[in-house]
Amino acid sequence: MATVQHQLEQLHGRLNRAGVPPDGCYKRNTVWYPLVSYINTIIALYLSDNYDVIPVFVMRATNTHADIAKEHKHVYLDLVAEYLHLIVTHLRETGFTEEQLAPYVSGVHGDN
């Protein structure tokens, strides 16, 4: 079984692979732009070992994901849900307490 860290690293490539993000998602006037931006910010923070700010972007991505999922279906949304769950798991494994995470992760699939 792959470690959480390995799974995250695989998703980093999949989330931005050509054909996976929704068409037009990099245009600022689309519904997708904030979500893609939040996810890519989380990826950049993760790669920079700057974990302290990640929960803020997890919350933003989770809220935006929920809003988009009400009206749209796309494989990207499934990957984002998986990614958010894994990044929260990773934060717990690296020492974040439930008290630190609770204000930010309540909407992440698989979390309370």
C-alpha atoms as a PDB file:
ATOM      1  CA  MET A   1       0.000   0.000   0.000  1.00  0.00           C
ATOM      2  CA  ALA A   2       1.317   3.430  -0.953  1.00  0.00           C
ATOM      3  CA  THR A   3       2.026   5.963   1.750  1.00  0.00           C
ATOM      4  CA  VAL A   4      -0.090   9.086   2.012  1.00  0.00           C
ATOM      5  CA  GLN A   5       2.896  11.123   0.875  1.00  0.00           C
ATOM      6  CA  HIS A   6       3.317   8.940  -2.223  1.00  0.00           C
ATOM      7  CA  GLN A   7      -0.405   9.180  -3.012  1.00  0.00           C
ATOM      8  CA  LEU A   8      -0.242  12.976  -2.704  1.00  0.00           C
ATOM      9  CA  GLU A   9       2.726  13.171  -5.042  1.00  0.00           C
ATOM     10  CA  GLN A  10       0.902  11.061  -7.631  1.00  0.00           C
ATOM     11  CA  LEU A  11      -2.163  13.293  -7.389  1.00  0.00           C
ATOM     12  CA  HIS A  12      -0.032  16.409  -7.862  1.00  0.00           C
ATOM     13  CA  GLY A  13       0.696  15.248 -11.380  1.00  0.00           C
ATOM     14  CA  ARG A  14      -2.813  14.001 -12.115  1.00  0.00           C
ATOM     15  CA  LEU A  15      -4.572  17.170 -10.969  1.00  0.00           C
ATOM     16  CA  ASN A  16      -2.755  19.276 -13.552  1.00  0.00           C
ATOM     17  CA  ARG A  17      -2.316  16.743 -16.353  1.00  0.00           C
ATOM     18  CA  ALA A  18      -3.653  17.894 -19.713  1.00  0.00           C
ATOM     19  CA  GLY A  19      -7.268  16.881 -20.109  1.00  0.00           C
ATOM     20  CA  VAL A  20      -7.985  16.480 -16.401  1.00  0.00           C
ATOM     21  CA  PRO A  21      -8.759  20.031 -15.261  1.00  0.00           C
ATOM     22  CA  PRO A  22     -12.005  21.363 -16.733  1.00  0.00           C
ATOM     23  CA  ASP A  23     -11.781  23.239 -20.023  1.00  0.00           C
ATOM     24  CA  GLY A  24     -11.188  26.936 -19.492  1.00  0.00           C
ATOM     25  CA  CYS A  25     -10.412  26.525 -15.787  1.00  0.00           C
ATOM     26  CA  TYR A  26      -7.397  28.836 -15.961  1.00  0.00           C
ATOM     27  CA  LYS A  27      -9.524  31.768 -17.102  1.00  0.00           C
ATOM     28  CA  ARG A  28     -10.367  33.999 -14.162  1.00  0.00           C
ATOM     29  CA  ASN A  29     -14.007  34.420 -15.124  1.00  0.00           C
ATOM     30  CA  THR A  30     -14.898  30.713 -14.850  1.00  0.00           C
ATOM     31  CA  VAL A  31     -16.487  28.934 -11.917  1.00  0.00           C
ATOM     32  CA  TRP A  32     -13.466  26.591 -11.817  1.00  0.00           C
ATOM     33  CA  TYR A  33     -10.695  29.166 -11.468  1.00  0.00           C
ATOM     34  CA  PRO A  34     -10.849  29.645  -7.675  1.00  0.00           C
ATOM     35  CA  LEU A  35     -10.858  25.892  -7.019  1.00  0.00           C
ATOM     36  CA  VAL A  36      -7.947  25.211  -9.365  1.00  0.00           C
ATOM     37  CA  SER A  37      -6.054  28.129  -7.821  1.00  0.00           C
ATOM     38  CA  TYR A  38      -6.649  26.922  -4.252  1.00  0.00           C
ATOM     39  CA  ILE A  39      -5.550  23.375  -5.104  1.00  0.00           C
ATOM     40  CA  ASN A  40      -2.423  24.578  -6.874  1.00  0.00           C
ATOM     41  CA  THR A  41      -1.628  26.840  -3.924  1.00  0.00           C
ATOM     42  CA  ILE A  42      -1.890  23.835  -1.596  1.00  0.00           C
ATOM     43  CA  ILE A  43       0.428  21.883  -3.896  1.00  0.00           C
ATOM     44  CA  ALA A  44       2.969  24.735  -3.901  1.00  0.00           C
ATOM     45  CA  LEU A  45       2.830  25.061  -0.104  1.00  0.00           C
ATOM     46  CA  TYR A  46       3.243  21.295   0.265  1.00  0.00           C
ATOM     47  CA  LEU A  47       6.241  21.225  -2.079  1.00  0.00           C
ATOM     48  CA  SER A  48       7.769  24.147  -0.163  1.00  0.00           C
ATOM     49  CA  ASP A  49       7.254  22.397   3.203  1.00  0.00           C
ATOM     50  CA  ASN A  50       5.170  25.406   4.272  1.00  0.00           C
ATOM     51  CA  TYR A  51       2.371  23.460   5.917  1.00  0.00           C
ATOM     52  CA  ASP A  52       1.135  26.094   8.376  1.00  0.00           C
ATOM     53  CA  VAL A  53      -1.042  27.897   5.819  1.00  0.00           C
ATOM     54  CA  ILE A  54      -2.380  24.801   4.067  1.00  0.00           C
ATOM     55  CA  PRO A  55      -5.472  24.446   6.309  1.00  0.00           C
ATOM     56  CA  VAL A  56      -6.711  27.888   5.220  1.00  0.00           C
ATOM     57  CA  PHE A  57      -6.603  26.835   1.572  1.00  0.00           C
ATOM     58  CA  VAL A  58      -8.128  23.442   2.396  1.00  0.00           C
ATOM     59  CA  MET A  59     -11.123  25.296   3.816  1.00  0.00           C
ATOM     60  CA  ARG A  60     -11.392  27.572   0.782  1.00  0.00           C
ATOM     61  CA  ALA A  61     -11.051  24.657  -1.635  1.00  0.00           C
ATOM     62  CA  THR A  62     -13.594  22.575   0.288  1.00  0.00           C
ATOM     63  CA  ASN A  63     -16.190  25.346   0.270  1.00  0.00           C
ATOM     64  CA  THR A  64     -15.633  26.097  -3.409  1.00  0.00           C
ATOM     65  CA  HIS A  65     -15.725  22.389  -4.282  1.00  0.00           C
ATOM     66  CA  ALA A  66     -19.077  22.028  -2.511  1.00  0.00           C
ATOM     67  CA  ASP A  67     -20.536  24.988  -4.391  1.00  0.00           C
ATOM     68  CA  ILE A  68     -19.354  23.755  -7.785  1.00  0.00           C
ATOM     69  CA  ALA A  69     -20.452  20.161  -7.140  1.00  0.00           C
ATOM     70  CA  LYS A  70     -24.051  21.338  -6.678  1.00  0.00           C
ATOM     71  CA  GLU A  71     -24.270  22.163 -10.382  1.00  0.00           C
ATOM     72  CA  HIS A  72     -21.385  20.380 -12.122  1.00  0.00           C
ATOM     73  CA  LYS A  73     -20.021  16.864 -12.471  1.00  0.00           C
ATOM     74  CA  HIS A  74     -16.413  16.396 -13.528  1.00  0.00           C
ATOM     75  CA  VAL A  75     -13.599  13.929 -12.828  1.00  0.00           C
ATOM     76  CA  TYR A  76     -11.560  16.856 -11.495  1.00  0.00           C
ATOM     77  CA  LEU A  77     -14.027  17.229  -8.619  1.00  0.00           C
ATOM     78  CA  ASP A  78     -13.499  13.588  -7.642  1.00  0.00           C
ATOM     79  CA  LEU A  79      -9.724  14.014  -7.699  1.00  0.00           C
ATOM     80  CA  VAL A  80      -9.961  17.203  -5.639  1.00  0.00           C
ATOM     81  CA  ALA A  81     -12.083  15.453  -2.997  1.00  0.00           C
ATOM     82  CA  GLU A  82      -9.525  12.648  -2.792  1.00  0.00           C
ATOM     83  CA  TYR A  83      -6.668  15.144  -2.645  1.00  0.00           C
ATOM     84  CA  LEU A  84      -8.217  17.219   0.136  1.00  0.00           C
ATOM     85  CA  HIS A  85      -8.807  14.111   2.234  1.00  0.00           C
ATOM     86  CA  LEU A  86      -5.206  12.981   1.726  1.00  0.00           C
ATOM     87  CA  ILE A  87      -3.692  16.385   2.482  1.00  0.00           C
ATOM     88  CA  VAL A  88      -5.631  16.573   5.757  1.00  0.00           C
ATOM     89  CA  THR A  89      -4.460  13.055   6.614  1.00  0.00           C
ATOM     90  CA  HIS A  90      -0.892  14.135   5.870  1.00  0.00           C
ATOM     91  CA  LEU A  91      -1.232  17.213   8.075  1.00  0.00           C
ATOM     92  CA  ARG A  92      -2.383  14.989  10.938  1.00  0.00           C
ATOM     93  CA  GLU A  93       0.551  12.657  10.350  1.00  0.00           C
ATOM     94  CA  THR A  94       2.977  15.587  10.489  1.00  0.00           C
ATOM     95  CA  GLY A  95       1.734  16.740  13.882  1.00  0.00           C
ATOM     96  CA  PHE A  96      -1.257  18.999  13.343  1.00  0.00           C
ATOM     97  CA  THR A  97      -3.738  18.516  16.159  1.00  0.00           C
ATOM     98  CA  GLU A  98      -7.483  18.186  15.756  1.00  0.00           C
ATOM     99  CA  GLU A  99      -7.798  21.505  17.562  1.00  0.00           C
ATOM    100  CA  GLN A 100      -5.594  23.187  14.944  1.00  0.00           C
ATOM    101  CA  LEU A 101      -7.410  21.583  12.013  1.00  0.00           C
ATOM    102  CA  ALA A 102     -11.034  21.678  13.204  1.00  0.00           C
ATOM    103  CA  PRO A 103     -11.852  25.227  12.049  1.00  0.00           C
ATOM    104  CA  TYR A 104     -10.678  24.382   8.530  1.00  0.00           C
ATOM    105  CA  VAL A 105     -11.458  20.772   7.667  1.00  0.00           C
ATOM    106  CA  SER A 106     -15.047  20.111   8.726  1.00  0.00           C
ATOM    107  CA  GLY A 107     -16.278  19.829   5.137  1.00  0.00           C
ATOM    108  CA  VAL A 108     -13.522  17.556   3.834  1.00  0.00           C
ATOM    109  CA  HIS A 109     -14.885  14.173   2.733  1.00  0.00           C
ATOM    110  CA  GLY A 110     -14.044  11.597   5.361  1.00  0.00           C
ATOM    111  CA  ASP A 111     -13.696  14.152   8.151  1.00  0.00           C
ATOM    112  CA  ASN A 112     -16.217  15.398  10.680  1.00  0.00           C
END
